[in-house]
Amino acid sequence: MNQNLKLLHPRICIPLKDEVIKEISCGYGFTFAINHVGQTYCWGSNECGQLGLGPDSMNSSIVRNP
């Protein structure tokens, strides 16, 4: 999927469709969600390390699914 794609309406996040999300927080180009048992999920841009993937994540093709 094109990471620069701009969506004009909400869409379901398929990997989280069966999760009970209790909290969500959005930033510029990234989103965090916490489920009912405290597991944290994050996705989006990691330009400034927002996702906690480490400093080399922009130079690799790491994809971590929930």
PDB file of N, CA and C in Angstrom:
ATOM      1  N   MET A   1       0.832  -1.178   0.000  1.00  0.00           N
ATOM      2  CA  MET A   1       0.000   0.000   0.000  1.00  0.00           C
ATOM      3  C   MET A   1       0.878   1.242   0.000  1.00  0.00           C
ATOM      4  N   ASN A   2       0.492   2.236  -0.743  1.00  0.00           N
ATOM      5  CA  ASN A   2       1.219   3.497  -0.819  1.00  0.00           C
ATOM      6  C   ASN A   2       1.124   4.222   0.516  1.00  0.00           C
ATOM      7  N   GLN A   3       2.255   4.487   1.171  1.00  0.00           N
ATOM      8  CA  GLN A   3       2.250   5.136   2.477  1.00  0.00           C
ATOM      9  C   GLN A   3       1.847   6.596   2.397  1.00  0.00           C
ATOM     10  N   ASN A   4       1.883   7.192   1.214  1.00  0.00           N
ATOM     11  CA  ASN A   4       1.506   8.587   1.053  1.00  0.00           C
ATOM     12  C   ASN A   4       0.036   8.752   0.676  1.00  0.00           C
ATOM     13  N   LEU A   5      -0.699   7.666   0.654  1.00  0.00           N
ATOM     14  CA  LEU A   5      -2.103   7.697   0.301  1.00  0.00           C
ATOM     15  C   LEU A   5      -2.882   8.490   1.344  1.00  0.00           C
ATOM     16  N   LYS A   6      -3.684   9.432   0.895  1.00  0.00           N
ATOM     17  CA  LYS A   6      -4.511  10.218   1.809  1.00  0.00           C
ATOM     18  C   LYS A   6      -5.942   9.690   1.737  1.00  0.00           C
ATOM     19  N   LEU A   7      -6.456   9.302   2.876  1.00  0.00           N
ATOM     20  CA  LEU A   7      -7.815   8.774   2.944  1.00  0.00           C
ATOM     21  C   LEU A   7      -8.755   9.870   3.428  1.00  0.00           C
ATOM     22  N   LEU A   8      -9.903   9.949   2.807  1.00  0.00           N
ATOM     23  CA  LEU A   8     -10.856  10.994   3.162  1.00  0.00           C
ATOM     24  C   LEU A   8     -11.992  10.475   4.031  1.00  0.00           C
ATOM     25  N   HIS A   9     -11.956   9.195   4.354  1.00  0.00           N
ATOM     26  CA  HIS A   9     -12.993   8.621   5.206  1.00  0.00           C
ATOM     27  C   HIS A   9     -12.387   7.493   6.028  1.00  0.00           C
ATOM     28  N   PRO A  10     -12.973   7.188   7.181  1.00  0.00           N
ATOM     29  CA  PRO A  10     -12.425   6.124   8.030  1.00  0.00           C
ATOM     30  C   PRO A  10     -12.490   4.761   7.346  1.00  0.00           C
ATOM     31  N   ARG A  11     -11.509   3.917   7.649  1.00  0.00           N
ATOM     32  CA  ARG A  11     -11.498   2.544   7.156  1.00  0.00           C
ATOM     33  C   ARG A  11     -11.127   1.628   8.304  1.00  0.00           C
ATOM     34  N   ILE A  12     -11.607   0.399   8.265  1.00  0.00           N
ATOM     35  CA  ILE A  12     -11.285  -0.569   9.305  1.00  0.00           C
ATOM     36  C   ILE A  12      -9.832  -1.014   9.156  1.00  0.00           C
ATOM     37  N   CYS A  13      -9.168  -1.165  10.267  1.00  0.00           N
ATOM     38  CA  CYS A  13      -7.805  -1.696  10.293  1.00  0.00           C
ATOM     39  C   CYS A  13      -7.948  -3.207  10.426  1.00  0.00           C
ATOM     40  N   ILE A  14      -7.850  -3.914   9.320  1.00  0.00           N
ATOM     41  CA  ILE A  14      -8.145  -5.344   9.259  1.00  0.00           C
ATOM     42  C   ILE A  14      -7.428  -6.163  10.339  1.00  0.00           C
ATOM     43  N   PRO A  15      -6.117  -5.965  10.604  1.00  0.00           N
ATOM     44  CA  PRO A  15      -5.469  -6.784  11.637  1.00  0.00           C
ATOM     45  C   PRO A  15      -6.062  -6.586  13.035  1.00  0.00           C
ATOM     46  N   LEU A  16      -6.760  -5.480  13.260  1.00  0.00           N
ATOM     47  CA  LEU A  16      -7.326  -5.208  14.579  1.00  0.00           C
ATOM     48  C   LEU A  16      -8.845  -5.375  14.630  1.00  0.00           C
ATOM     49  N   LYS A  17      -9.438  -5.930  13.596  1.00  0.00           N
ATOM     50  CA  LYS A  17     -10.901  -5.987  13.518  1.00  0.00           C
ATOM     51  C   LYS A  17     -11.550  -6.773  14.643  1.00  0.00           C
ATOM     52  N   ASP A  18     -10.857  -7.737  15.228  1.00  0.00           N
ATOM     53  CA  ASP A  18     -11.424  -8.537  16.311  1.00  0.00           C
ATOM     54  C   ASP A  18     -10.965  -8.083  17.695  1.00  0.00           C
ATOM     55  N   GLU A  19     -10.180  -7.010  17.756  1.00  0.00           N
ATOM     56  CA  GLU A  19      -9.687  -6.494  19.035  1.00  0.00           C
ATOM     57  C   GLU A  19     -10.716  -5.548  19.657  1.00  0.00           C
ATOM     58  N   VAL A  20     -10.755  -5.521  20.976  1.00  0.00           N
ATOM     59  CA  VAL A  20     -11.560  -4.542  21.701  1.00  0.00           C
ATOM     60  C   VAL A  20     -10.618  -3.396  22.051  1.00  0.00           C
ATOM     61  N   ILE A  21     -10.695  -2.320  21.275  1.00  0.00           N
ATOM     62  CA  ILE A  21      -9.814  -1.177  21.466  1.00  0.00           C
ATOM     63  C   ILE A  21     -10.422  -0.237  22.498  1.00  0.00           C
ATOM     64  N   LYS A  22      -9.646   0.053  23.552  1.00  0.00           N
ATOM     65  CA  LYS A  22     -10.116   0.912  24.636  1.00  0.00           C
ATOM     66  C   LYS A  22      -9.637   2.355  24.489  1.00  0.00           C
ATOM     67  N   GLU A  23      -8.449   2.541  23.917  1.00  0.00           N
ATOM     68  CA  GLU A  23      -7.917   3.893  23.751  1.00  0.00           C
ATOM     69  C   GLU A  23      -7.209   3.988  22.413  1.00  0.00           C
ATOM     70  N   ILE A  24      -7.232   5.185  21.850  1.00  0.00           N
ATOM     71  CA  ILE A  24      -6.533   5.426  20.588  1.00  0.00           C
ATOM     72  C   ILE A  24      -5.974   6.841  20.608  1.00  0.00           C
ATOM     73  N   SER A  25      -4.805   7.005  20.018  1.00  0.00           N
ATOM     74  CA  SER A  25      -4.168   8.315  19.950  1.00  0.00           C
ATOM     75  C   SER A  25      -3.542   8.466  18.573  1.00  0.00           C
ATOM     76  N   CYS A  26      -3.763   9.606  17.963  1.00  0.00           N
ATOM     77  CA  CYS A  26      -3.242   9.847  16.619  1.00  0.00           C
ATOM     78  C   CYS A  26      -2.290  11.033  16.632  1.00  0.00           C
ATOM     79  N   GLY A  27      -1.239  10.906  15.856  1.00  0.00           N
ATOM     80  CA  GLY A  27      -0.299  11.996  15.669  1.00  0.00           C
ATOM     81  C   GLY A  27      -0.223  12.310  14.190  1.00  0.00           C
ATOM     82  N   TYR A  28       0.751  13.088  13.813  1.00  0.00           N
ATOM     83  CA  TYR A  28       0.921  13.434  12.409  1.00  0.00           C
ATOM     84  C   TYR A  28       1.568  12.246  11.687  1.00  0.00           C
ATOM     85  N   GLY A  29       0.761  11.425  11.050  1.00  0.00           N
ATOM     86  CA  GLY A  29       1.270  10.308  10.266  1.00  0.00           C
ATOM     87  C   GLY A  29       1.443   9.005  11.032  1.00  0.00           C
ATOM     88  N   PHE A  30       0.935   8.911  12.252  1.00  0.00           N
ATOM     89  CA  PHE A  30       1.025   7.654  12.993  1.00  0.00           C
ATOM     90  C   PHE A  30      -0.131   7.555  13.983  1.00  0.00           C
ATOM     91  N   THR A  31      -0.439   6.314  14.392  1.00  0.00           N
ATOM     92  CA  THR A  31      -1.546   6.057  15.304  1.00  0.00           C
ATOM     93  C   THR A  31      -1.157   4.975  16.300  1.00  0.00           C
ATOM     94  N   PHE A  32      -1.609   5.117  17.536  1.00  0.00           N
ATOM     95  CA  PHE A  32      -1.434   4.111  18.583  1.00  0.00           C
ATOM     96  C   PHE A  32      -2.806   3.676  19.067  1.00  0.00           C
ATOM     97  N   ALA A  33      -2.935   2.393  19.376  1.00  0.00           N
ATOM     98  CA  ALA A  33      -4.175   1.867  19.943  1.00  0.00           C
ATOM     99  C   ALA A  33      -3.823   0.907  21.075  1.00  0.00           C
ATOM    100  N   ILE A  34      -4.667   0.875  22.109  1.00  0.00           N
ATOM    101  CA  ILE A  34      -4.488  -0.038  23.239  1.00  0.00           C
ATOM    102  C   ILE A  34      -5.757  -0.863  23.372  1.00  0.00           C
ATOM    103  N   ASN A  35      -5.585  -2.191  23.451  1.00  0.00           N
ATOM    104  CA  ASN A  35      -6.759  -3.044  23.590  1.00  0.00           C
ATOM    105  C   ASN A  35      -7.151  -3.211  25.058  1.00  0.00           C
ATOM    106  N   HIS A  36      -8.179  -3.995  25.306  1.00  0.00           N
ATOM    107  CA  HIS A  36      -8.749  -4.143  26.642  1.00  0.00           C
ATOM    108  C   HIS A  36      -7.826  -4.835  27.650  1.00  0.00           C
ATOM    109  N   VAL A  37      -6.768  -5.509  27.178  1.00  0.00           N
ATOM    110  CA  VAL A  37      -5.821  -6.138  28.104  1.00  0.00           C
ATOM    111  C   VAL A  37      -4.480  -5.399  28.149  1.00  0.00           C
ATOM    112  N   GLY A  38      -4.416  -4.226  27.520  1.00  0.00           N
ATOM    113  CA  GLY A  38      -3.223  -3.391  27.602  1.00  0.00           C
ATOM    114  C   GLY A  38      -2.186  -3.590  26.515  1.00  0.00           C
ATOM    115  N   GLN A  39      -2.472  -4.430  25.514  1.00  0.00           N
ATOM    116  CA  GLN A  39      -1.531  -4.580  24.403  1.00  0.00           C
ATOM    117  C   GLN A  39      -1.575  -3.313  23.551  1.00  0.00           C
ATOM    118  N   THR A  40      -0.398  -2.861  23.138  1.00  0.00           N
ATOM    119  CA  THR A  40      -0.288  -1.632  22.362  1.00  0.00           C
ATOM    120  C   THR A  40       0.031  -1.957  20.912  1.00  0.00           C
ATOM    121  N   TYR A  41      -0.665  -1.312  20.016  1.00  0.00           N
ATOM    122  CA  TYR A  41      -0.444  -1.451  18.574  1.00  0.00           C
ATOM    123  C   TYR A  41      -0.153  -0.069  18.015  1.00  0.00           C
ATOM    124  N   CYS A  42       0.778   0.009  17.068  1.00  0.00           N
ATOM    125  CA  CYS A  42       1.075   1.290  16.446  1.00  0.00           C
ATOM    126  C   CYS A  42       1.391   1.073  14.975  1.00  0.00           C
ATOM    127  N   TRP A  43       1.081   2.079  14.184  1.00  0.00           N
ATOM    128  CA  TRP A  43       1.336   1.997  12.749  1.00  0.00           C
ATOM    129  C   TRP A  43       1.455   3.398  12.186  1.00  0.00           C
ATOM    130  N   GLY A  44       2.047   3.476  11.019  1.00  0.00           N
ATOM    131  CA  GLY A  44       2.207   4.757  10.336  1.00  0.00           C
ATOM    132  C   GLY A  44       3.670   5.094  10.125  1.00  0.00           C
ATOM    133  N   SER A  45       3.943   6.380  10.045  1.00  0.00           N
ATOM    134  CA  SER A  45       5.295   6.870   9.803  1.00  0.00           C
ATOM    135  C   SER A  45       6.166   6.666  11.041  1.00  0.00           C
ATOM    136  N   ASN A  46       7.419   6.371  10.813  1.00  0.00           N
ATOM    137  CA  ASN A  46       8.381   6.231  11.916  1.00  0.00           C
ATOM    138  C   ASN A  46       9.558   7.182  11.695  1.00  0.00           C
ATOM    139  N   GLU A  47       9.307   8.308  11.022  1.00  0.00           N
ATOM    140  CA  GLU A  47      10.377   9.242  10.668  1.00  0.00           C
ATOM    141  C   GLU A  47      11.194   9.700  11.861  1.00  0.00           C
ATOM    142  N   CYS A  48      10.577   9.885  13.001  1.00  0.00           N
ATOM    143  CA  CYS A  48      11.274  10.379  14.192  1.00  0.00           C
ATOM    144  C   CYS A  48      11.270   9.337  15.306  1.00  0.00           C
ATOM    145  N   GLY A  49      11.081   8.060  14.962  1.00  0.00           N
ATOM    146  CA  GLY A  49      11.095   6.998  15.957  1.00  0.00           C
ATOM    147  C   GLY A  49       9.805   6.852  16.744  1.00  0.00           C
ATOM    148  N   GLN A  50       8.706   7.414  16.233  1.00  0.00           N
ATOM    149  CA  GLN A  50       7.441   7.397  16.951  1.00  0.00           C
ATOM    150  C   GLN A  50       6.942   5.985  17.271  1.00  0.00           C
ATOM    151  N   LEU A  51       7.273   5.019  16.425  1.00  0.00           N
ATOM    152  CA  LEU A  51       6.728   3.675  16.590  1.00  0.00           C
ATOM    153  C   LEU A  51       7.564   2.789  17.503  1.00  0.00           C
ATOM    154  N   GLY A  52       8.713   3.269  17.920  1.00  0.00           N
ATOM    155  CA  GLY A  52       9.550   2.507  18.839  1.00  0.00           C
ATOM    156  C   GLY A  52      10.241   1.317  18.202  1.00  0.00           C
ATOM    157  N   LEU A  53      10.521   1.396  16.909  1.00  0.00           N
ATOM    158  CA  LEU A  53      11.145   0.279  16.182  1.00  0.00           C
ATOM    159  C   LEU A  53      12.665   0.372  16.153  1.00  0.00           C
ATOM    160  N   GLY A  54      13.221   1.401  16.731  1.00  0.00           N
ATOM    161  CA  GLY A  54      14.672   1.549  16.736  1.00  0.00           C
ATOM    162  C   GLY A  54      15.155   2.453  15.622  1.00  0.00           C
ATOM    163  N   PRO A  55      16.400   2.906  15.715  1.00  0.00           N
ATOM    164  CA  PRO A  55      16.934   3.887  14.777  1.00  0.00           C
ATOM    165  C   PRO A  55      17.164   3.362  13.366  1.00  0.00           C
ATOM    166  N   ASP A  56      17.291   2.060  13.186  1.00  0.00           N
ATOM    167  CA  ASP A  56      17.579   1.518  11.855  1.00  0.00           C
ATOM    168  C   ASP A  56      16.333   1.062  11.110  1.00  0.00           C
ATOM    169  N   SER A  57      15.168   1.276  11.670  1.00  0.00           N
ATOM    170  CA  SER A  57      13.949   0.746  11.052  1.00  0.00           C
ATOM    171  C   SER A  57      13.639   1.396   9.709  1.00  0.00           C
ATOM    172  N   MET A  58      14.064   2.641   9.480  1.00  0.00           N
ATOM    173  CA  MET A  58      13.806   3.301   8.200  1.00  0.00           C
ATOM    174  C   MET A  58      14.665   2.711   7.092  1.00  0.00           C
ATOM    175  N   ASN A  59      15.746   2.004   7.448  1.00  0.00           N
ATOM    176  CA  ASN A  59      16.635   1.423   6.451  1.00  0.00           C
ATOM    177  C   ASN A  59      16.357  -0.048   6.203  1.00  0.00           C
ATOM    178  N   SER A  60      15.276  -0.554   6.728  1.00  0.00           N
ATOM    179  CA  SER A  60      14.953  -1.958   6.531  1.00  0.00           C
ATOM    180  C   SER A  60      13.493  -2.105   6.124  1.00  0.00           C
ATOM    181  N   SER A  61      13.130  -3.299   5.782  1.00  0.00           N
ATOM    182  CA  SER A  61      11.752  -3.553   5.368  1.00  0.00           C
ATOM    183  C   SER A  61      10.993  -4.283   6.476  1.00  0.00           C
ATOM    184  N   ILE A  62      11.204  -3.885   7.718  1.00  0.00           N
ATOM    185  CA  ILE A  62      10.541  -4.517   8.852  1.00  0.00           C
ATOM    186  C   ILE A  62       9.041  -4.224   8.797  1.00  0.00           C
ATOM    187  N   VAL A  63       8.270  -5.286   8.879  1.00  0.00           N
ATOM    188  CA  VAL A  63       6.826  -5.157   9.003  1.00  0.00           C
ATOM    189  C   VAL A  63       6.413  -6.056  10.152  1.00  0.00           C
ATOM    190  N   ARG A  64       5.851  -5.472  11.156  1.00  0.00           N
ATOM    191  CA  ARG A  64       5.399  -6.246  12.306  1.00  0.00           C
ATOM    192  C   ARG A  64       3.894  -6.114  12.403  1.00  0.00           C
ATOM    193  N   ASN A  65       3.213  -7.218  12.278  1.00  0.00           N
ATOM    194  CA  ASN A  65       1.755  -7.226  12.368  1.00  0.00           C
ATOM    195  C   ASN A  65       1.317  -7.546  13.782  1.00  0.00           C
ATOM    196  N   PRO A  66       0.183  -7.009  14.193  1.00  0.00           N
ATOM    197  CA  PRO A  66      -0.310  -7.347  15.536  1.00  0.00           C
ATOM    198  C   PRO A  66      -0.604  -8.826  15.674  1.00  0.00           C
TER     199      PRO A  66
END
